[in-house]
Full PDB file with SEQRES, HELIX, SHEET, SSBOND, CRYST1, ORIGX, SCALE, CONECT and MASTER records, all heavy atoms in Angstrom:
SEQRES   1 A   30  ALA ASP LEU VAL GLU GLY ALA PHE GLY ALA GLU LEU ARG          
SEQRES   2 A   30  LEU LEU GLY ASP GLU TYR LEU VAL ALA MET ARG ARG TRP          
SEQRES   3 A   30  ALA ALA ARG ALA                                              
HELIX    1 AA1 ASP A    2  LEU A   14  1                                  13    
HELIX    2 AA2 GLU A   18  ALA A   28  1                                  11    
CRYST1    1.000    1.000    1.000  90.00  90.00  90.00 P 1           1          
ORIGX1      1.000000  0.000000  0.000000        0.00000                         
ORIGX2      0.000000  1.000000  0.000000        0.00000                         
ORIGX3      0.000000  0.000000  1.000000        0.00000                         
SCALE1      1.000000  0.000000  0.000000        0.00000                         
SCALE2      0.000000  1.000000  0.000000        0.00000                         
SCALE3      0.000000  0.000000  1.000000        0.00000                         
ATOM      1  N   ALA A   1      71.347 -39.937  36.714  1.00  0.00           N  
ATOM      2  CA  ALA A   1      72.791 -39.897  36.488  1.00  0.00           C  
ATOM      3  C   ALA A   1      73.456 -38.923  37.460  1.00  0.00           C  
ATOM      4  O   ALA A   1      74.520 -39.211  38.032  1.00  0.00           O  
ATOM      5  CB  ALA A   1      73.087 -39.510  35.044  1.00  0.00           C  
ATOM      6  N   ASP A   2      72.834 -37.754  37.678  1.00  0.00           N  
ATOM      7  CA  ASP A   2      73.377 -36.788  38.640  1.00  0.00           C  
ATOM      8  C   ASP A   2      73.401 -37.381  40.047  1.00  0.00           C  
ATOM      9  O   ASP A   2      74.373 -37.201  40.801  1.00  0.00           O  
ATOM     10  CB  ASP A   2      72.529 -35.514  38.650  1.00  0.00           C  
ATOM     11  CG  ASP A   2      72.636 -34.722  37.355  1.00  0.00           C  
ATOM     12  OD1 ASP A   2      73.624 -34.911  36.617  1.00  0.00           O  
ATOM     13  OD2 ASP A   2      71.715 -33.914  37.078  1.00  0.00           O  
ATOM     14  N   LEU A   3      72.329 -38.083  40.395  1.00  0.00           N  
ATOM     15  CA  LEU A   3      72.220 -38.669  41.729  1.00  0.00           C  
ATOM     16  C   LEU A   3      73.292 -39.736  41.947  1.00  0.00           C  
ATOM     17  O   LEU A   3      73.966 -39.767  42.982  1.00  0.00           O  
ATOM     18  CB  LEU A   3      70.820 -39.259  41.893  1.00  0.00           C  
ATOM     19  CG  LEU A   3      70.346 -39.656  43.286  1.00  0.00           C  
ATOM     20  CD1 LEU A   3      70.314 -38.448  44.215  1.00  0.00           C  
ATOM     21  CD2 LEU A   3      68.954 -40.290  43.194  1.00  0.00           C  
ATOM     22  N   VAL A   4      73.455 -40.638  40.963  1.00  0.00           N  
ATOM     23  CA  VAL A   4      74.453 -41.702  41.065  1.00  0.00           C  
ATOM     24  C   VAL A   4      75.861 -41.108  41.112  1.00  0.00           C  
ATOM     25  O   VAL A   4      76.709 -41.537  41.900  1.00  0.00           O  
ATOM     26  CB  VAL A   4      74.301 -42.683  39.890  1.00  0.00           C  
ATOM     27  CG1 VAL A   4      75.473 -43.663  39.843  1.00  0.00           C  
ATOM     28  CG2 VAL A   4      72.983 -43.446  40.006  1.00  0.00           C  
ATOM     29  N   GLU A   5      76.119 -40.103  40.277  1.00  0.00           N  
ATOM     30  CA  GLU A   5      77.455 -39.491  40.281  1.00  0.00           C  
ATOM     31  C   GLU A   5      77.738 -38.816  41.618  1.00  0.00           C  
ATOM     32  O   GLU A   5      78.859 -38.903  42.141  1.00  0.00           O  
ATOM     33  CB  GLU A   5      77.572 -38.490  39.142  1.00  0.00           C  
ATOM     34  CG  GLU A   5      78.963 -37.874  39.045  1.00  0.00           C  
ATOM     35  CD  GLU A   5      79.178 -37.077  37.791  1.00  0.00           C  
ATOM     36  OE1 GLU A   5      78.192 -36.788  37.077  1.00  0.00           O  
ATOM     37  OE2 GLU A   5      80.335 -36.726  37.504  1.00  0.00           O  
ATOM     38  N   GLY A   6      76.738 -38.131  42.184  1.00  0.00           N  
ATOM     39  CA  GLY A   6      76.956 -37.483  43.469  1.00  0.00           C  
ATOM     40  C   GLY A   6      77.245 -38.465  44.583  1.00  0.00           C  
ATOM     41  O   GLY A   6      78.051 -38.196  45.480  1.00  0.00           O  
ATOM     42  N   ALA A   7      76.592 -39.635  44.544  1.00  0.00           N  
ATOM     43  CA  ALA A   7      76.751 -40.619  45.619  1.00  0.00           C  
ATOM     44  C   ALA A   7      77.966 -41.515  45.419  1.00  0.00           C  
ATOM     45  O   ALA A   7      78.664 -41.861  46.376  1.00  0.00           O  
ATOM     46  CB  ALA A   7      75.491 -41.470  45.726  1.00  0.00           C  
ATOM     47  N   PHE A   8      78.227 -41.922  44.163  1.00  0.00           N  
ATOM     48  CA  PHE A   8      79.258 -42.926  43.903  1.00  0.00           C  
ATOM     49  C   PHE A   8      80.329 -42.455  42.916  1.00  0.00           C  
ATOM     50  O   PHE A   8      81.141 -43.260  42.468  1.00  0.00           O  
ATOM     51  CB  PHE A   8      78.609 -44.197  43.326  1.00  0.00           C  
ATOM     52  CG  PHE A   8      77.500 -44.760  44.154  1.00  0.00           C  
ATOM     53  CD1 PHE A   8      76.221 -44.902  43.643  1.00  0.00           C  
ATOM     54  CD2 PHE A   8      77.722 -45.141  45.466  1.00  0.00           C  
ATOM     55  CE1 PHE A   8      75.191 -45.425  44.404  1.00  0.00           C  
ATOM     56  CE2 PHE A   8      76.697 -45.662  46.244  1.00  0.00           C  
ATOM     57  CZ  PHE A   8      75.427 -45.802  45.712  1.00  0.00           C  
ATOM     58  N   GLY A   9      80.325 -41.167  42.566  1.00  0.00           N  
ATOM     59  CA  GLY A   9      81.194 -40.691  41.502  1.00  0.00           C  
ATOM     60  C   GLY A   9      82.663 -40.985  41.723  1.00  0.00           C  
ATOM     61  O   GLY A   9      83.357 -41.461  40.818  1.00  0.00           O  
ATOM     62  N   ALA A  10      83.171 -40.720  42.936  1.00  0.00           N  
ATOM     63  CA  ALA A  10      84.593 -40.949  43.199  1.00  0.00           C  
ATOM     64  C   ALA A  10      84.953 -42.416  43.036  1.00  0.00           C  
ATOM     65  O   ALA A  10      85.990 -42.760  42.446  1.00  0.00           O  
ATOM     66  CB  ALA A  10      84.942 -40.466  44.609  1.00  0.00           C  
ATOM     67  N   GLU A  11      84.089 -43.300  43.527  1.00  0.00           N  
ATOM     68  CA  GLU A  11      84.338 -44.744  43.406  1.00  0.00           C  
ATOM     69  C   GLU A  11      84.275 -45.185  41.953  1.00  0.00           C  
ATOM     70  O   GLU A  11      85.136 -45.950  41.487  1.00  0.00           O  
ATOM     71  CB  GLU A  11      83.300 -45.498  44.231  1.00  0.00           C  
ATOM     72  CG  GLU A  11      83.389 -47.001  44.134  1.00  0.00           C  
ATOM     73  CD  GLU A  11      82.294 -47.681  44.947  1.00  0.00           C  
ATOM     74  OE1 GLU A  11      81.737 -47.046  45.863  1.00  0.00           O  
ATOM     75  OE2 GLU A  11      81.993 -48.848  44.649  1.00  0.00           O  
ATOM     76  N   LEU A  12      83.273 -44.697  41.218  1.00  0.00           N  
ATOM     77  CA  LEU A  12      83.132 -45.104  39.825  1.00  0.00           C  
ATOM     78  C   LEU A  12      84.284 -44.580  38.971  1.00  0.00           C  
ATOM     79  O   LEU A  12      84.738 -45.263  38.053  1.00  0.00           O  
ATOM     80  CB  LEU A  12      81.790 -44.623  39.277  1.00  0.00           C  
ATOM     81  CG  LEU A  12      80.557 -45.288  39.885  1.00  0.00           C  
ATOM     82  CD1 LEU A  12      79.287 -44.618  39.377  1.00  0.00           C  
ATOM     83  CD2 LEU A  12      80.534 -46.778  39.582  1.00  0.00           C  
ATOM     84  N   ARG A  13      84.764 -43.378  39.257  1.00  0.00           N  
ATOM     85  CA  ARG A  13      85.893 -42.858  38.483  1.00  0.00           C  
ATOM     86  C   ARG A  13      87.167 -43.640  38.769  1.00  0.00           C  
ATOM     87  O   ARG A  13      88.008 -43.812  37.880  1.00  0.00           O  
ATOM     88  CB  ARG A  13      86.077 -41.371  38.775  1.00  0.00           C  
ATOM     89  CG  ARG A  13      85.113 -40.483  37.987  1.00  0.00           C  
ATOM     90  CD  ARG A  13      85.421 -39.020  38.180  1.00  0.00           C  
ATOM     91  NE  ARG A  13      85.053 -38.552  39.496  1.00  0.00           N  
ATOM     92  CZ  ARG A  13      83.833 -38.109  39.809  1.00  0.00           C  
ATOM     93  NH1 ARG A  13      82.872 -38.070  38.901  1.00  0.00           N  
ATOM     94  NH2 ARG A  13      83.566 -37.695  41.028  1.00  0.00           N  
ATOM     95  N   LEU A  14      87.329 -44.116  39.992  1.00  0.00           N  
ATOM     96  CA  LEU A  14      88.479 -44.957  40.312  1.00  0.00           C  
ATOM     97  C   LEU A  14      88.483 -46.216  39.472  1.00  0.00           C  
ATOM     98  O   LEU A  14      89.533 -46.721  39.074  1.00  0.00           O  
ATOM     99  CB  LEU A  14      88.462 -45.320  41.808  1.00  0.00           C  
ATOM    100  CG  LEU A  14      89.571 -46.254  42.303  1.00  0.00           C  
ATOM    101  CD1 LEU A  14      90.934 -45.585  42.168  1.00  0.00           C  
ATOM    102  CD2 LEU A  14      89.322 -46.655  43.748  1.00  0.00           C  
ATOM    103  N   LEU A  15      87.280 -46.723  39.172  1.00  0.00           N  
ATOM    104  CA  LEU A  15      87.137 -47.948  38.389  1.00  0.00           C  
ATOM    105  C   LEU A  15      86.942 -47.668  36.907  1.00  0.00           C  
ATOM    106  O   LEU A  15      86.619 -48.567  36.141  1.00  0.00           O  
ATOM    107  CB  LEU A  15      85.953 -48.761  38.913  1.00  0.00           C  
ATOM    108  CG  LEU A  15      86.060 -49.185  40.388  1.00  0.00           C  
ATOM    109  CD1 LEU A  15      84.743 -49.730  40.890  1.00  0.00           C  
ATOM    110  CD2 LEU A  15      87.159 -50.213  40.561  1.00  0.00           C  
ATOM    111  N   GLY A  16      87.151 -46.420  36.483  1.00  0.00           N  
ATOM    112  CA  GLY A  16      86.883 -46.040  35.100  1.00  0.00           C  
ATOM    113  C   GLY A  16      85.502 -45.425  35.014  1.00  0.00           C  
ATOM    114  O   GLY A  16      84.591 -45.793  35.753  1.00  0.00           O  
ATOM    115  N   ASP A  17      85.320 -44.473  34.133  1.00  0.00           N  
ATOM    116  CA  ASP A  17      84.058 -43.729  34.113  1.00  0.00           C  
ATOM    117  C   ASP A  17      83.047 -44.272  33.119  1.00  0.00           C  
ATOM    118  O   ASP A  17      82.101 -43.590  32.746  1.00  0.00           O  
ATOM    119  CB  ASP A  17      84.318 -42.248  33.814  1.00  0.00           C  
ATOM    120  CG  ASP A  17      84.895 -42.023  32.416  1.00  0.00           C  
ATOM    121  OD1 ASP A  17      85.125 -43.015  31.695  1.00  0.00           O  
ATOM    122  OD2 ASP A  17      85.108 -40.854  32.047  1.00  0.00           O  
ATOM    123  N   GLU A  18      83.207 -45.528  32.680  1.00  0.00           N  
ATOM    124  CA  GLU A  18      82.330 -46.079  31.664  1.00  0.00           C  
ATOM    125  C   GLU A  18      80.863 -46.040  32.070  1.00  0.00           C  
ATOM    126  O   GLU A  18      79.989 -45.724  31.262  1.00  0.00           O  
ATOM    127  CB  GLU A  18      82.723 -47.535  31.325  1.00  0.00           C  
ATOM    128  CG  GLU A  18      83.997 -47.678  30.536  1.00  0.00           C  
ATOM    129  CD  GLU A  18      85.222 -47.824  31.424  1.00  0.00           C  
ATOM    130  OE1 GLU A  18      85.134 -47.419  32.603  1.00  0.00           O  
ATOM    131  OE2 GLU A  18      86.249 -48.307  30.950  1.00  0.00           O  
ATOM    132  N   TYR A  19      80.583 -46.376  33.340  1.00  0.00           N  
ATOM    133  CA  TYR A  19      79.186 -46.455  33.759  1.00  0.00           C  
ATOM    134  C   TYR A  19      78.532 -45.084  33.742  1.00  0.00           C  
ATOM    135  O   TYR A  19      77.410 -44.925  33.257  1.00  0.00           O  
ATOM    136  CB  TYR A  19      79.095 -47.081  35.151  1.00  0.00           C  
ATOM    137  CG  TYR A  19      77.683 -47.383  35.577  1.00  0.00           C  
ATOM    138  CD1 TYR A  19      76.962 -48.395  34.956  1.00  0.00           C  
ATOM    139  CD2 TYR A  19      77.050 -46.655  36.574  1.00  0.00           C  
ATOM    140  CE1 TYR A  19      75.653 -48.683  35.320  1.00  0.00           C  
ATOM    141  CE2 TYR A  19      75.751 -46.934  36.957  1.00  0.00           C  
ATOM    142  CZ  TYR A  19      75.058 -47.949  36.319  1.00  0.00           C  
ATOM    143  OH  TYR A  19      73.760 -48.221  36.684  1.00  0.00           O  
ATOM    144  N   LEU A  20      79.241 -44.078  34.256  1.00  0.00           N  
ATOM    145  CA  LEU A  20      78.678 -42.735  34.250  1.00  0.00           C  
ATOM    146  C   LEU A  20      78.496 -42.220  32.822  1.00  0.00           C  
ATOM    147  O   LEU A  20      77.485 -41.592  32.499  1.00  0.00           O  
ATOM    148  CB  LEU A  20      79.574 -41.784  35.034  1.00  0.00           C  
ATOM    149  CG  LEU A  20      79.611 -41.993  36.552  1.00  0.00           C  
ATOM    150  CD1 LEU A  20      80.631 -41.068  37.184  1.00  0.00           C  
ATOM    151  CD2 LEU A  20      78.236 -41.771  37.164  1.00  0.00           C  
ATOM    152  N   VAL A  21      79.474 -42.507  31.962  1.00  0.00           N  
ATOM    153  CA  VAL A  21      79.353 -42.104  30.563  1.00  0.00           C  
ATOM    154  C   VAL A  21      78.141 -42.773  29.923  1.00  0.00           C  
ATOM    155  O   VAL A  21      77.374 -42.145  29.187  1.00  0.00           O  
ATOM    156  CB  VAL A  21      80.637 -42.443  29.790  1.00  0.00           C  
ATOM    157  CG1 VAL A  21      80.445 -42.272  28.284  1.00  0.00           C  
ATOM    158  CG2 VAL A  21      81.789 -41.558  30.265  1.00  0.00           C  
ATOM    159  N   ALA A  22      77.955 -44.074  30.217  1.00  0.00           N  
ATOM    160  CA  ALA A  22      76.814 -44.794  29.655  1.00  0.00           C  
ATOM    161  C   ALA A  22      75.493 -44.205  30.142  1.00  0.00           C  
ATOM    162  O   ALA A  22      74.543 -44.064  29.362  1.00  0.00           O  
ATOM    163  CB  ALA A  22      76.902 -46.278  30.017  1.00  0.00           C  
ATOM    164  N   MET A  23      75.424 -43.840  31.417  1.00  0.00           N  
ATOM    165  CA  MET A  23      74.186 -43.257  31.943  1.00  0.00           C  
ATOM    166  C   MET A  23      73.869 -41.933  31.263  1.00  0.00           C  
ATOM    167  O   MET A  23      72.718 -41.642  30.932  1.00  0.00           O  
ATOM    168  CB  MET A  23      74.297 -43.058  33.454  1.00  0.00           C  
ATOM    169  CG  MET A  23      74.283 -44.344  34.257  1.00  0.00           C  
ATOM    170  SD  MET A  23      73.966 -44.061  36.007  1.00  0.00           S  
ATOM    171  CE  MET A  23      72.232 -43.640  35.969  1.00  0.00           C  
ATOM    172  N   ARG A  24      74.890 -41.117  31.040  1.00  0.00           N  
ATOM    173  CA  ARG A  24      74.668 -39.853  30.330  1.00  0.00           C  
ATOM    174  C   ARG A  24      74.204 -40.114  28.898  1.00  0.00           C  
ATOM    175  O   ARG A  24      73.342 -39.401  28.358  1.00  0.00           O  
ATOM    176  CB  ARG A  24      75.964 -39.033  30.314  1.00  0.00           C  
ATOM    177  CG  ARG A  24      76.500 -38.657  31.674  1.00  0.00           C  
ATOM    178  CD  ARG A  24      75.593 -37.694  32.387  1.00  0.00           C  
ATOM    179  NE  ARG A  24      76.151 -37.307  33.681  1.00  0.00           N  
ATOM    180  CZ  ARG A  24      75.474 -36.677  34.616  1.00  0.00           C  
ATOM    181  NH1 ARG A  24      74.204 -36.364  34.424  1.00  0.00           N  
ATOM    182  NH2 ARG A  24      76.036 -36.360  35.764  1.00  0.00           N  
ATOM    183  N   ARG A  25      74.773 -41.150  28.290  1.00  0.00           N  
ATOM    184  CA  ARG A  25      74.368 -41.496  26.925  1.00  0.00           C  
ATOM    185  C   ARG A  25      72.921 -41.973  26.911  1.00  0.00           C  
ATOM    186  O   ARG A  25      72.149 -41.613  26.022  1.00  0.00           O  
ATOM    187  CB  ARG A  25      75.297 -42.576  26.374  1.00  0.00           C  
ATOM    188  CG  ARG A  25      75.093 -42.894  24.894  1.00  0.00           C  
ATOM    189  CD  ARG A  25      75.970 -44.038  24.438  1.00  0.00           C  
ATOM    190  NE  ARG A  25      77.368 -43.725  24.668  1.00  0.00           N  
ATOM    191  CZ  ARG A  25      78.226 -44.557  25.244  1.00  0.00           C  
ATOM    192  NH1 ARG A  25      77.816 -45.732  25.678  1.00  0.00           N  
ATOM    193  NH2 ARG A  25      79.481 -44.219  25.397  1.00  0.00           N  
ATOM    194  N   TRP A  26      72.531 -42.782  27.893  1.00  0.00           N  
ATOM    195  CA  TRP A  26      71.146 -43.242  27.975  1.00  0.00           C  
ATOM    196  C   TRP A  26      70.200 -42.057  28.135  1.00  0.00           C  
ATOM    197  O   TRP A  26      69.133 -42.017  27.507  1.00  0.00           O  
ATOM    198  CB  TRP A  26      70.965 -44.182  29.160  1.00  0.00           C  
ATOM    199  CG  TRP A  26      71.756 -45.443  29.078  1.00  0.00           C  
ATOM    200  CD1 TRP A  26      72.256 -46.035  27.944  1.00  0.00           C  
ATOM    201  CD2 TRP A  26      72.151 -46.273  30.162  1.00  0.00           C  
ATOM    202  NE1 TRP A  26      72.947 -47.172  28.267  1.00  0.00           N  
ATOM    203  CE2 TRP A  26      72.904 -47.348  29.620  1.00  0.00           C  
ATOM    204  CE3 TRP A  26      71.968 -46.216  31.539  1.00  0.00           C  
ATOM    205  CZ2 TRP A  26      73.452 -48.349  30.410  1.00  0.00           C  
ATOM    206  CZ3 TRP A  26      72.514 -47.216  32.329  1.00  0.00           C  
ATOM    207  CH2 TRP A  26      73.241 -48.264  31.766  1.00  0.00           C  
ATOM    208  N   ALA A  27      70.596 -41.101  28.990  1.00  0.00           N  
ATOM    209  CA  ALA A  27      69.729 -39.939  29.213  1.00  0.00           C  
ATOM    210  C   ALA A  27      69.530 -39.150  27.925  1.00  0.00           C  
ATOM    211  O   ALA A  27      68.420 -38.698  27.622  1.00  0.00           O  
ATOM    212  CB  ALA A  27      70.342 -39.044  30.299  1.00  0.00           C  
ATOM    213  N   ALA A  28      70.608 -38.992  27.152  1.00  0.00           N  
ATOM    214  CA  ALA A  28      70.520 -38.211  25.917  1.00  0.00           C  
ATOM    215  C   ALA A  28      69.723 -38.936  24.838  1.00  0.00           C  
ATOM    216  O   ALA A  28      69.113 -38.298  23.979  1.00  0.00           O  
ATOM    217  CB  ALA A  28      71.919 -37.883  25.408  1.00  0.00           C  
ATOM    218  N   ARG A  29      69.730 -40.267  24.891  1.00  0.00           N  
ATOM    219  CA  ARG A  29      69.111 -41.051  23.818  1.00  0.00           C  
ATOM    220  C   ARG A  29      67.858 -41.784  24.281  1.00  0.00           C  
ATOM    221  O   ARG A  29      67.415 -42.725  23.622  1.00  0.00           O  
ATOM    222  CB  ARG A  29      70.121 -42.065  23.270  1.00  0.00           C  
ATOM    223  CG  ARG A  29      71.395 -41.414  22.725  1.00  0.00           C  
ATOM    224  CD  ARG A  29      72.401 -42.463  22.297  1.00  0.00           C  
ATOM    225  NE  ARG A  29      73.652 -41.865  21.839  1.00  0.00           N  
ATOM    226  CZ  ARG A  29      74.734 -42.564  21.509  1.00  0.00           C  
ATOM    227  NH1 ARG A  29      74.718 -43.889  21.596  1.00  0.00           N  
ATOM    228  NH2 ARG A  29      75.832 -41.952  21.102  1.00  0.00           N  
ATOM    229  N   ALA A  30      67.292 -41.394  25.399  1.00  0.00           N  
ATOM    230  CA  ALA A  30      66.150 -42.123  25.965  1.00  0.00           C  
ATOM    231  C   ALA A  30      65.009 -42.319  24.971  1.00  0.00           C  
ATOM    232  O   ALA A  30      64.464 -43.429  24.867  1.00  0.00           O  
ATOM    233  CB  ALA A  30      65.652 -41.430  27.227  1.00  0.00           C  
TER     234      ALA A  30                                                      
MASTER        0    0    0    2    0    0    0    6  233    1    0    3          
END                                                                             
């Protein structure tokens, strides 16, 4: 999640942060 946010964070936030939020949720609930 850190890696994806660092590489694509600005683009993903422009499109809404759902994907990053989901990745953080997956990490917490793995």
